[in-house]
Amino acid sequence: MPSTIRSPRQLLLVQRIIEARKAAGMTQAELAGRLGRHQPFIANIESGQRRVDLVELIELAGLVGLDLHHVIDKLESLPIGTPATDASPDN
């Protein structure tokens, strides 16, 4: 199975995390601190160098007000194999 680290679904998830963090008025360092982590933890997630696991995602989403049900619905609506350019927030 090919890696999904740069898949459209992963890219859309990262995009939603970034948008929610910024909408919450938080810096990467502030969010990381609230998670008990250091700033590079968030930077690596947002740059696609690190995947966030489910428990981390739930905690992160709670801190920035990210509606995971909505995000998952969007992710599921992307067809498998969708080119990354089709993973824009409006899709």
PDB file of N, CA and C in Angstrom:
ATOM      1  N   MET A   1       0.848  -1.183   0.000  1.00  0.00           N
ATOM      2  CA  MET A   1       0.000   0.000   0.000  1.00  0.00           C
ATOM      3  C   MET A   1       0.891   1.243   0.000  1.00  0.00           C
ATOM      4  N   PRO A   2       0.627   2.196  -0.881  1.00  0.00           N
ATOM      5  CA  PRO A   2       1.450   3.406  -0.930  1.00  0.00           C
ATOM      6  C   PRO A   2       1.266   4.253   0.329  1.00  0.00           C
ATOM      7  N   SER A   3       2.285   5.035   0.636  1.00  0.00           N
ATOM      8  CA  SER A   3       2.227   5.930   1.789  1.00  0.00           C
ATOM      9  C   SER A   3       1.124   6.964   1.585  1.00  0.00           C
ATOM     10  N   THR A   4       0.463   7.317   2.674  1.00  0.00           N
ATOM     11  CA  THR A   4      -0.601   8.321   2.595  1.00  0.00           C
ATOM     12  C   THR A   4      -0.188   9.650   3.215  1.00  0.00           C
ATOM     13  N   ILE A   5       1.092   9.813   3.530  1.00  0.00           N
ATOM     14  CA  ILE A   5       1.555  11.026   4.204  1.00  0.00           C
ATOM     15  C   ILE A   5       1.307  12.274   3.358  1.00  0.00           C
ATOM     16  N   ARG A   6       1.300  12.148   2.040  1.00  0.00           N
ATOM     17  CA  ARG A   6       1.025  13.290   1.153  1.00  0.00           C
ATOM     18  C   ARG A   6      -0.264  13.073   0.355  1.00  0.00           C
ATOM     19  N   SER A   7      -1.123  12.210   0.856  1.00  0.00           N
ATOM     20  CA  SER A   7      -2.379  11.945   0.154  1.00  0.00           C
ATOM     21  C   SER A   7      -3.310  13.148   0.271  1.00  0.00           C
ATOM     22  N   PRO A   8      -4.276  13.250  -0.620  1.00  0.00           N
ATOM     23  CA  PRO A   8      -5.233  14.353  -0.545  1.00  0.00           C
ATOM     24  C   PRO A   8      -5.944  14.421   0.802  1.00  0.00           C
ATOM     25  N   ARG A   9      -6.267  13.274   1.349  1.00  0.00           N
ATOM     26  CA  ARG A   9      -6.950  13.267   2.648  1.00  0.00           C
ATOM     27  C   ARG A   9      -6.047  13.797   3.749  1.00  0.00           C
ATOM     28  N   GLN A  10      -4.799  13.395   3.740  1.00  0.00           N
ATOM     29  CA  GLN A  10      -3.855  13.885   4.748  1.00  0.00           C
ATOM     30  C   GLN A  10      -3.628  15.385   4.581  1.00  0.00           C
ATOM     31  N   LEU A  11      -3.482  15.831   3.341  1.00  0.00           N
ATOM     32  CA  LEU A  11      -3.277  17.260   3.083  1.00  0.00           C
ATOM     33  C   LEU A  11      -4.477  18.084   3.545  1.00  0.00           C
ATOM     34  N   LEU A  12      -5.684  17.581   3.301  1.00  0.00           N
ATOM     35  CA  LEU A  12      -6.883  18.288   3.735  1.00  0.00           C
ATOM     36  C   LEU A  12      -6.974  18.326   5.257  1.00  0.00           C
ATOM     37  N   LEU A  13      -6.644  17.231   5.911  1.00  0.00           N
ATOM     38  CA  LEU A  13      -6.649  17.200   7.376  1.00  0.00           C
ATOM     39  C   LEU A  13      -5.689  18.240   7.939  1.00  0.00           C
ATOM     40  N   VAL A  14      -4.487  18.278   7.408  1.00  0.00           N
ATOM     41  CA  VAL A  14      -3.489  19.251   7.865  1.00  0.00           C
ATOM     42  C   VAL A  14      -3.993  20.671   7.631  1.00  0.00           C
ATOM     43  N   GLN A  15      -4.585  20.900   6.473  1.00  0.00           N
ATOM     44  CA  GLN A  15      -5.116  22.224   6.152  1.00  0.00           C
ATOM     45  C   GLN A  15      -6.173  22.643   7.171  1.00  0.00           C
ATOM     46  N   ARG A  16      -7.050  21.728   7.525  1.00  0.00           N
ATOM     47  CA  ARG A  16      -8.105  22.025   8.503  1.00  0.00           C
ATOM     48  C   ARG A  16      -7.516  22.300   9.891  1.00  0.00           C
ATOM     49  N   ILE A  17      -6.484  21.567  10.264  1.00  0.00           N
ATOM     50  CA  ILE A  17      -5.826  21.799  11.557  1.00  0.00           C
ATOM     51  C   ILE A  17      -5.230  23.203  11.592  1.00  0.00           C
ATOM     52  N   ILE A  18      -4.532  23.573  10.536  1.00  0.00           N
ATOM     53  CA  ILE A  18      -3.913  24.903  10.467  1.00  0.00           C
ATOM     54  C   ILE A  18      -4.984  25.991  10.543  1.00  0.00           C
ATOM     55  N   GLU A  19      -6.036  25.845   9.752  1.00  0.00           N
ATOM     56  CA  GLU A  19      -7.111  26.843   9.743  1.00  0.00           C
ATOM     57  C   GLU A  19      -7.743  26.989  11.123  1.00  0.00           C
ATOM     58  N   ALA A  20      -7.995  25.870  11.789  1.00  0.00           N
ATOM     59  CA  ALA A  20      -8.632  25.912  13.110  1.00  0.00           C
ATOM     60  C   ALA A  20      -7.715  26.554  14.146  1.00  0.00           C
ATOM     61  N   ARG A  21      -6.435  26.234  14.085  1.00  0.00           N
ATOM     62  CA  ARG A  21      -5.482  26.829  15.035  1.00  0.00           C
ATOM     63  C   ARG A  21      -5.447  28.337  14.862  1.00  0.00           C
ATOM     64  N   LYS A  22      -5.362  28.781  13.613  1.00  0.00           N
ATOM     65  CA  LYS A  22      -5.315  30.223  13.343  1.00  0.00           C
ATOM     66  C   LYS A  22      -6.628  30.899  13.738  1.00  0.00           C
ATOM     67  N   ALA A  23      -7.755  30.262  13.454  1.00  0.00           N
ATOM     68  CA  ALA A  23      -9.059  30.823  13.824  1.00  0.00           C
ATOM     69  C   ALA A  23      -9.199  30.939  15.341  1.00  0.00           C
ATOM     70  N   ALA A  24      -8.548  30.035  16.060  1.00  0.00           N
ATOM     71  CA  ALA A  24      -8.564  30.079  17.527  1.00  0.00           C
ATOM     72  C   ALA A  24      -7.588  31.122  18.067  1.00  0.00           C
ATOM     73  N   GLY A  25      -6.828  31.744  17.162  1.00  0.00           N
ATOM     74  CA  GLY A  25      -5.878  32.779  17.571  1.00  0.00           C
ATOM     75  C   GLY A  25      -4.661  32.242  18.294  1.00  0.00           C
ATOM     76  N   MET A  26      -4.296  31.007  17.984  1.00  0.00           N
ATOM     77  CA  MET A  26      -3.154  30.374  18.650  1.00  0.00           C
ATOM     78  C   MET A  26      -1.958  30.269  17.728  1.00  0.00           C
ATOM     79  N   THR A  27      -0.789  30.425  18.310  1.00  0.00           N
ATOM     80  CA  THR A  27       0.445  30.130  17.592  1.00  0.00           C
ATOM     81  C   THR A  27       0.718  28.637  17.728  1.00  0.00           C
ATOM     82  N   GLN A  28       1.652  28.157  16.933  1.00  0.00           N
ATOM     83  CA  GLN A  28       2.063  26.759  17.074  1.00  0.00           C
ATOM     84  C   GLN A  28       2.583  26.502  18.482  1.00  0.00           C
ATOM     85  N   ALA A  29       3.354  27.439  19.013  1.00  0.00           N
ATOM     86  CA  ALA A  29       3.938  27.274  20.348  1.00  0.00           C
ATOM     87  C   ALA A  29       2.855  27.222  21.423  1.00  0.00           C
ATOM     88  N   GLU A  30       1.830  28.060  21.296  1.00  0.00           N
ATOM     89  CA  GLU A  30       0.742  28.058  22.282  1.00  0.00           C
ATOM     90  C   GLU A  30      -0.021  26.737  22.256  1.00  0.00           C
ATOM     91  N   LEU A  31      -0.336  26.267  21.064  1.00  0.00           N
ATOM     92  CA  LEU A  31      -1.057  25.002  20.949  1.00  0.00           C
ATOM     93  C   LEU A  31      -0.215  23.856  21.483  1.00  0.00           C
ATOM     94  N   ALA A  32       1.035  23.835  21.103  1.00  0.00           N
ATOM     95  CA  ALA A  32       1.925  22.779  21.588  1.00  0.00           C
ATOM     96  C   ALA A  32       1.993  22.793  23.112  1.00  0.00           C
ATOM     97  N   GLY A  33       2.127  23.971  23.693  1.00  0.00           N
ATOM     98  CA  GLY A  33       2.196  24.085  25.148  1.00  0.00           C
ATOM     99  C   GLY A  33       0.961  23.535  25.827  1.00  0.00           C
ATOM    100  N   ARG A  34      -0.201  23.803  25.258  1.00  0.00           N
ATOM    101  CA  ARG A  34      -1.451  23.291  25.836  1.00  0.00           C
ATOM    102  C   ARG A  34      -1.551  21.773  25.726  1.00  0.00           C
ATOM    103  N   LEU A  35      -0.835  21.225  24.755  1.00  0.00           N
ATOM    104  CA  LEU A  35      -0.795  19.764  24.590  1.00  0.00           C
ATOM    105  C   LEU A  35       0.337  19.130  25.393  1.00  0.00           C
ATOM    106  N   GLY A  36       1.137  19.979  26.066  1.00  0.00           N
ATOM    107  CA  GLY A  36       2.283  19.466  26.816  1.00  0.00           C
ATOM    108  C   GLY A  36       3.433  19.065  25.912  1.00  0.00           C
ATOM    109  N   ARG A  37       3.513  19.705  24.757  1.00  0.00           N
ATOM    110  CA  ARG A  37       4.557  19.411  23.769  1.00  0.00           C
ATOM    111  C   ARG A  37       5.338  20.671  23.456  1.00  0.00           C
ATOM    112  N   HIS A  38       6.337  20.528  22.603  1.00  0.00           N
ATOM    113  CA  HIS A  38       7.125  21.667  22.140  1.00  0.00           C
ATOM    114  C   HIS A  38       6.638  22.086  20.754  1.00  0.00           C
ATOM    115  N   GLN A  39       6.940  23.312  20.356  1.00  0.00           N
ATOM    116  CA  GLN A  39       6.471  23.878  19.090  1.00  0.00           C
ATOM    117  C   GLN A  39       6.783  23.012  17.876  1.00  0.00           C
ATOM    118  N   PRO A  40       7.958  22.379  17.784  1.00  0.00           N
ATOM    119  CA  PRO A  40       8.227  21.551  16.597  1.00  0.00           C
ATOM    120  C   PRO A  40       7.221  20.408  16.401  1.00  0.00           C
ATOM    121  N   PHE A  41       6.585  19.966  17.470  1.00  0.00           N
ATOM    122  CA  PHE A  41       5.559  18.925  17.358  1.00  0.00           C
ATOM    123  C   PHE A  41       4.441  19.389  16.419  1.00  0.00           C
ATOM    124  N   ILE A  42       3.947  20.604  16.645  1.00  0.00           N
ATOM    125  CA  ILE A  42       2.882  21.156  15.801  1.00  0.00           C
ATOM    126  C   ILE A  42       3.428  21.504  14.418  1.00  0.00           C
ATOM    127  N   ALA A  43       4.610  22.081  14.369  1.00  0.00           N
ATOM    128  CA  ALA A  43       5.212  22.439  13.077  1.00  0.00           C
ATOM    129  C   ALA A  43       5.361  21.208  12.193  1.00  0.00           C
ATOM    130  N   ASN A  44       5.771  20.100  12.768  1.00  0.00           N
ATOM    131  CA  ASN A  44       5.949  18.870  11.987  1.00  0.00           C
ATOM    132  C   ASN A  44       4.620  18.313  11.488  1.00  0.00           C
ATOM    133  N   ILE A  45       3.572  18.439  12.289  1.00  0.00           N
ATOM    134  CA  ILE A  45       2.245  18.010  11.840  1.00  0.00           C
ATOM    135  C   ILE A  45       1.785  18.903  10.690  1.00  0.00           C
ATOM    136  N   GLU A  46       1.909  20.215  10.894  1.00  0.00           N
ATOM    137  CA  GLU A  46       1.412  21.164   9.896  1.00  0.00           C
ATOM    138  C   GLU A  46       2.209  21.145   8.595  1.00  0.00           C
ATOM    139  N   SER A  47       3.456  20.748   8.658  1.00  0.00           N
ATOM    140  CA  SER A  47       4.274  20.683   7.441  1.00  0.00           C
ATOM    141  C   SER A  47       4.164  19.328   6.748  1.00  0.00           C
ATOM    142  N   GLY A  48       3.468  18.396   7.370  1.00  0.00           N
ATOM    143  CA  GLY A  48       3.310  17.076   6.781  1.00  0.00           C
ATOM    144  C   GLY A  48       4.450  16.125   7.073  1.00  0.00           C
ATOM    145  N   GLN A  49       5.362  16.527   7.947  1.00  0.00           N
ATOM    146  CA  GLN A  49       6.487  15.661   8.293  1.00  0.00           C
ATOM    147  C   GLN A  49       6.103  14.621   9.335  1.00  0.00           C
ATOM    148  N   ARG A  50       4.999  14.852  10.027  1.00  0.00           N
ATOM    149  CA  ARG A  50       4.550  13.931  11.065  1.00  0.00           C
ATOM    150  C   ARG A  50       3.034  13.811  10.989  1.00  0.00           C
ATOM    151  N   ARG A  51       2.562  12.599  11.115  1.00  0.00           N
ATOM    152  CA  ARG A  51       1.125  12.377  11.183  1.00  0.00           C
ATOM    153  C   ARG A  51       0.668  12.507  12.626  1.00  0.00           C
ATOM    154  N   VAL A  52      -0.548  12.935  12.784  1.00  0.00           N
ATOM    155  CA  VAL A  52      -1.147  13.028  14.109  1.00  0.00           C
ATOM    156  C   VAL A  52      -1.967  11.755  14.324  1.00  0.00           C
ATOM    157  N   ASP A  53      -1.824  11.135  15.492  1.00  0.00           N
ATOM    158  CA  ASP A  53      -2.629   9.935  15.731  1.00  0.00           C
ATOM    159  C   ASP A  53      -4.011  10.350  16.244  1.00  0.00           C
ATOM    160  N   LEU A  54      -4.908   9.406  16.367  1.00  0.00           N
ATOM    161  CA  LEU A  54      -6.295   9.706  16.686  1.00  0.00           C
ATOM    162  C   LEU A  54      -6.449  10.391  18.040  1.00  0.00           C
ATOM    163  N   VAL A  55      -5.768   9.898  19.052  1.00  0.00           N
ATOM    164  CA  VAL A  55      -5.879  10.499  20.383  1.00  0.00           C
ATOM    165  C   VAL A  55      -5.338  11.929  20.362  1.00  0.00           C
ATOM    166  N   GLU A  56      -4.204  12.139  19.703  1.00  0.00           N
ATOM    167  CA  GLU A  56      -3.643  13.489  19.580  1.00  0.00           C
ATOM    168  C   GLU A  56      -4.608  14.400  18.826  1.00  0.00           C
ATOM    169  N   LEU A  57      -5.219  13.877  17.773  1.00  0.00           N
ATOM    170  CA  LEU A  57      -6.149  14.665  16.970  1.00  0.00           C
ATOM    171  C   LEU A  57      -7.361  15.090  17.795  1.00  0.00           C
ATOM    172  N   ILE A  58      -7.890  14.192  18.588  1.00  0.00           N
ATOM    173  CA  ILE A  58      -9.040  14.521  19.435  1.00  0.00           C
ATOM    174  C   ILE A  58      -8.672  15.624  20.423  1.00  0.00           C
ATOM    175  N   GLU A  59      -7.506  15.509  21.053  1.00  0.00           N
ATOM    176  CA  GLU A  59      -7.063  16.527  22.007  1.00  0.00           C
ATOM    177  C   GLU A  59      -6.821  17.863  21.306  1.00  0.00           C
ATOM    178  N   LEU A  60      -6.135  17.814  20.184  1.00  0.00           N
ATOM    179  CA  LEU A  60      -5.832  19.019  19.413  1.00  0.00           C
ATOM    180  C   LEU A  60      -7.127  19.696  18.960  1.00  0.00           C
ATOM    181  N   ALA A  61      -8.048  18.921  18.427  1.00  0.00           N
ATOM    182  CA  ALA A  61      -9.318  19.465  17.936  1.00  0.00           C
ATOM    183  C   ALA A  61     -10.093  20.147  19.055  1.00  0.00           C
ATOM    184  N   GLY A  62     -10.087  19.555  20.225  1.00  0.00           N
ATOM    185  CA  GLY A  62     -10.786  20.154  21.356  1.00  0.00           C
ATOM    186  C   GLY A  62     -10.221  21.504  21.743  1.00  0.00           C
ATOM    187  N   LEU A  63      -8.929  21.663  21.602  1.00  0.00           N
ATOM    188  CA  LEU A  63      -8.272  22.919  21.975  1.00  0.00           C
ATOM    189  C   LEU A  63      -8.505  24.039  20.966  1.00  0.00           C
ATOM    190  N   VAL A  64      -8.659  23.697  19.703  1.00  0.00           N
ATOM    191  CA  VAL A  64      -8.810  24.732  18.668  1.00  0.00           C
ATOM    192  C   VAL A  64     -10.237  24.833  18.123  1.00  0.00           C
ATOM    193  N   GLY A  65     -11.149  24.018  18.650  1.00  0.00           N
ATOM    194  CA  GLY A  65     -12.536  24.077  18.200  1.00  0.00           C
ATOM    195  C   GLY A  65     -12.775  23.461  16.837  1.00  0.00           C
ATOM    196  N   LEU A  66     -11.993  22.466  16.494  1.00  0.00           N
ATOM    197  CA  LEU A  66     -12.134  21.788  15.207  1.00  0.00           C
ATOM    198  C   LEU A  66     -13.214  20.711  15.317  1.00  0.00           C
ATOM    199  N   ASP A  67     -14.224  20.781  14.462  1.00  0.00           N
ATOM    200  CA  ASP A  67     -15.316  19.810  14.451  1.00  0.00           C
ATOM    201  C   ASP A  67     -14.860  18.574  13.680  1.00  0.00           C
ATOM    202  N   LEU A  68     -14.470  17.544  14.413  1.00  0.00           N
ATOM    203  CA  LEU A  68     -13.935  16.341  13.763  1.00  0.00           C
ATOM    204  C   LEU A  68     -14.979  15.610  12.927  1.00  0.00           C
ATOM    205  N   HIS A  69     -16.235  15.667  13.325  1.00  0.00           N
ATOM    206  CA  HIS A  69     -17.274  15.011  12.529  1.00  0.00           C
ATOM    207  C   HIS A  69     -17.338  15.634  11.133  1.00  0.00           C
ATOM    208  N   HIS A  70     -17.287  16.948  11.085  1.00  0.00           N
ATOM    209  CA  HIS A  70     -17.314  17.648   9.794  1.00  0.00           C
ATOM    210  C   HIS A  70     -16.063  17.318   8.973  1.00  0.00           C
ATOM    211  N   VAL A  71     -14.914  17.318   9.626  1.00  0.00           N
ATOM    212  CA  VAL A  71     -13.654  17.021   8.928  1.00  0.00           C
ATOM    213  C   VAL A  71     -13.679  15.603   8.364  1.00  0.00           C
ATOM    214  N   ILE A  72     -14.120  14.661   9.162  1.00  0.00           N
ATOM    215  CA  ILE A  72     -14.163  13.265   8.704  1.00  0.00           C
ATOM    216  C   ILE A  72     -15.132  13.120   7.531  1.00  0.00           C
ATOM    217  N   ASP A  73     -16.280  13.793   7.599  1.00  0.00           N
ATOM    218  CA  ASP A  73     -17.215  13.759   6.465  1.00  0.00           C
ATOM    219  C   ASP A  73     -16.549  14.270   5.194  1.00  0.00           C
ATOM    220  N   LYS A  74     -15.800  15.372   5.305  1.00  0.00           N
ATOM    221  CA  LYS A  74     -15.089  15.926   4.145  1.00  0.00           C
ATOM    222  C   LYS A  74     -14.044  14.938   3.628  1.00  0.00           C
ATOM    223  N   LEU A  75     -13.290  14.340   4.551  1.00  0.00           N
ATOM    224  CA  LEU A  75     -12.247  13.396   4.149  1.00  0.00           C
ATOM    225  C   LEU A  75     -12.854  12.191   3.446  1.00  0.00           C
ATOM    226  N   GLU A  76     -13.964  11.696   3.976  1.00  0.00           N
ATOM    227  CA  GLU A  76     -14.614  10.538   3.368  1.00  0.00           C
ATOM    228  C   GLU A  76     -15.198  10.860   2.002  1.00  0.00           C
ATOM    229  N   SER A  77     -15.522  12.118   1.749  1.00  0.00           N
ATOM    230  CA  SER A  77     -16.117  12.488   0.463  1.00  0.00           C
ATOM    231  C   SER A  77     -15.094  12.522  -0.668  1.00  0.00           C
ATOM    232  N   LEU A  78     -13.813  12.549  -0.320  1.00  0.00           N
ATOM    233  CA  LEU A  78     -12.776  12.533  -1.354  1.00  0.00           C
ATOM    234  C   LEU A  78     -12.617  11.118  -1.884  1.00  0.00           C
ATOM    235  N   PRO A  79     -12.725  10.937  -3.185  1.00  0.00           N
ATOM    236  CA  PRO A  79     -12.521   9.606  -3.744  1.00  0.00           C
ATOM    237  C   PRO A  79     -11.086   9.134  -3.514  1.00  0.00           C
ATOM    238  N   ILE A  80     -10.933   7.853  -3.341  1.00  0.00           N
ATOM    239  CA  ILE A  80      -9.595   7.282  -3.200  1.00  0.00           C
ATOM    240  C   ILE A  80      -8.829   7.578  -4.473  1.00  0.00           C
ATOM    241  N   GLY A  81      -7.592   8.036  -4.322  1.00  0.00           N
ATOM    242  CA  GLY A  81      -6.759   8.349  -5.467  1.00  0.00           C
ATOM    243  C   GLY A  81      -6.978   9.738  -6.029  1.00  0.00           C
ATOM    244  N   THR A  82      -7.750  10.572  -5.318  1.00  0.00           N
ATOM    245  CA  THR A  82      -7.967  11.945  -5.775  1.00  0.00           C
ATOM    246  C   THR A  82      -6.638  12.680  -5.804  1.00  0.00           C
ATOM    247  N   PRO A  83      -6.320  13.366  -6.902  1.00  0.00           N
ATOM    248  CA  PRO A  83      -5.070  14.130  -6.938  1.00  0.00           C
ATOM    249  C   PRO A  83      -5.045  15.185  -5.841  1.00  0.00           C
ATOM    250  N   ALA A  84      -3.871  15.455  -5.306  1.00  0.00           N
ATOM    251  CA  ALA A  84      -3.723  16.402  -4.200  1.00  0.00           C
ATOM    252  C   ALA A  84      -4.269  17.776  -4.550  1.00  0.00           C
ATOM    253  N   THR A  85      -4.239  18.163  -5.803  1.00  0.00           N
ATOM    254  CA  THR A  85      -4.735  19.485  -6.197  1.00  0.00           C
ATOM    255  C   THR A  85      -6.242  19.591  -6.028  1.00  0.00           C
ATOM    256  N   ASP A  86      -6.938  18.457  -5.933  1.00  0.00           N
ATOM    257  CA  ASP A  86      -8.389  18.474  -5.742  1.00  0.00           C
ATOM    258  C   ASP A  86      -8.787  18.523  -4.278  1.00  0.00           C
ATOM    259  N   ALA A  87      -7.824  18.594  -3.373  1.00  0.00           N
ATOM    260  CA  ALA A  87      -8.115  18.546  -1.943  1.00  0.00           C
ATOM    261  C   ALA A  87      -8.255  19.935  -1.337  1.00  0.00           C
ATOM    262  N   SER A  88      -8.700  20.888  -2.136  1.00  0.00           N
ATOM    263  CA  SER A  88      -8.842  22.248  -1.620  1.00  0.00           C
ATOM    264  C   SER A  88      -9.960  22.301  -0.587  1.00  0.00           C
ATOM    265  N   PRO A  89      -9.946  23.308   0.295  1.00  0.00           N
ATOM    266  CA  PRO A  89     -10.927  23.377   1.367  1.00  0.00           C
ATOM    267  C   PRO A  89     -12.366  23.490   0.875  1.00  0.00           C
ATOM    268  N   ASP A  90     -12.573  23.983  -0.333  1.00  0.00           N
ATOM    269  CA  ASP A  90     -13.926  24.157  -0.838  1.00  0.00           C
ATOM    270  C   ASP A  90     -14.517  22.877  -1.401  1.00  0.00           C
ATOM    271  N   ASN A  91     -13.695  21.861  -1.582  1.00  0.00           N
ATOM    272  CA  ASN A  91     -14.188  20.596  -2.143  1.00  0.00           C
ATOM    273  C   ASN A  91     -14.829  19.757  -1.077  1.00  0.00           C
TER     274      ASN A  91
END
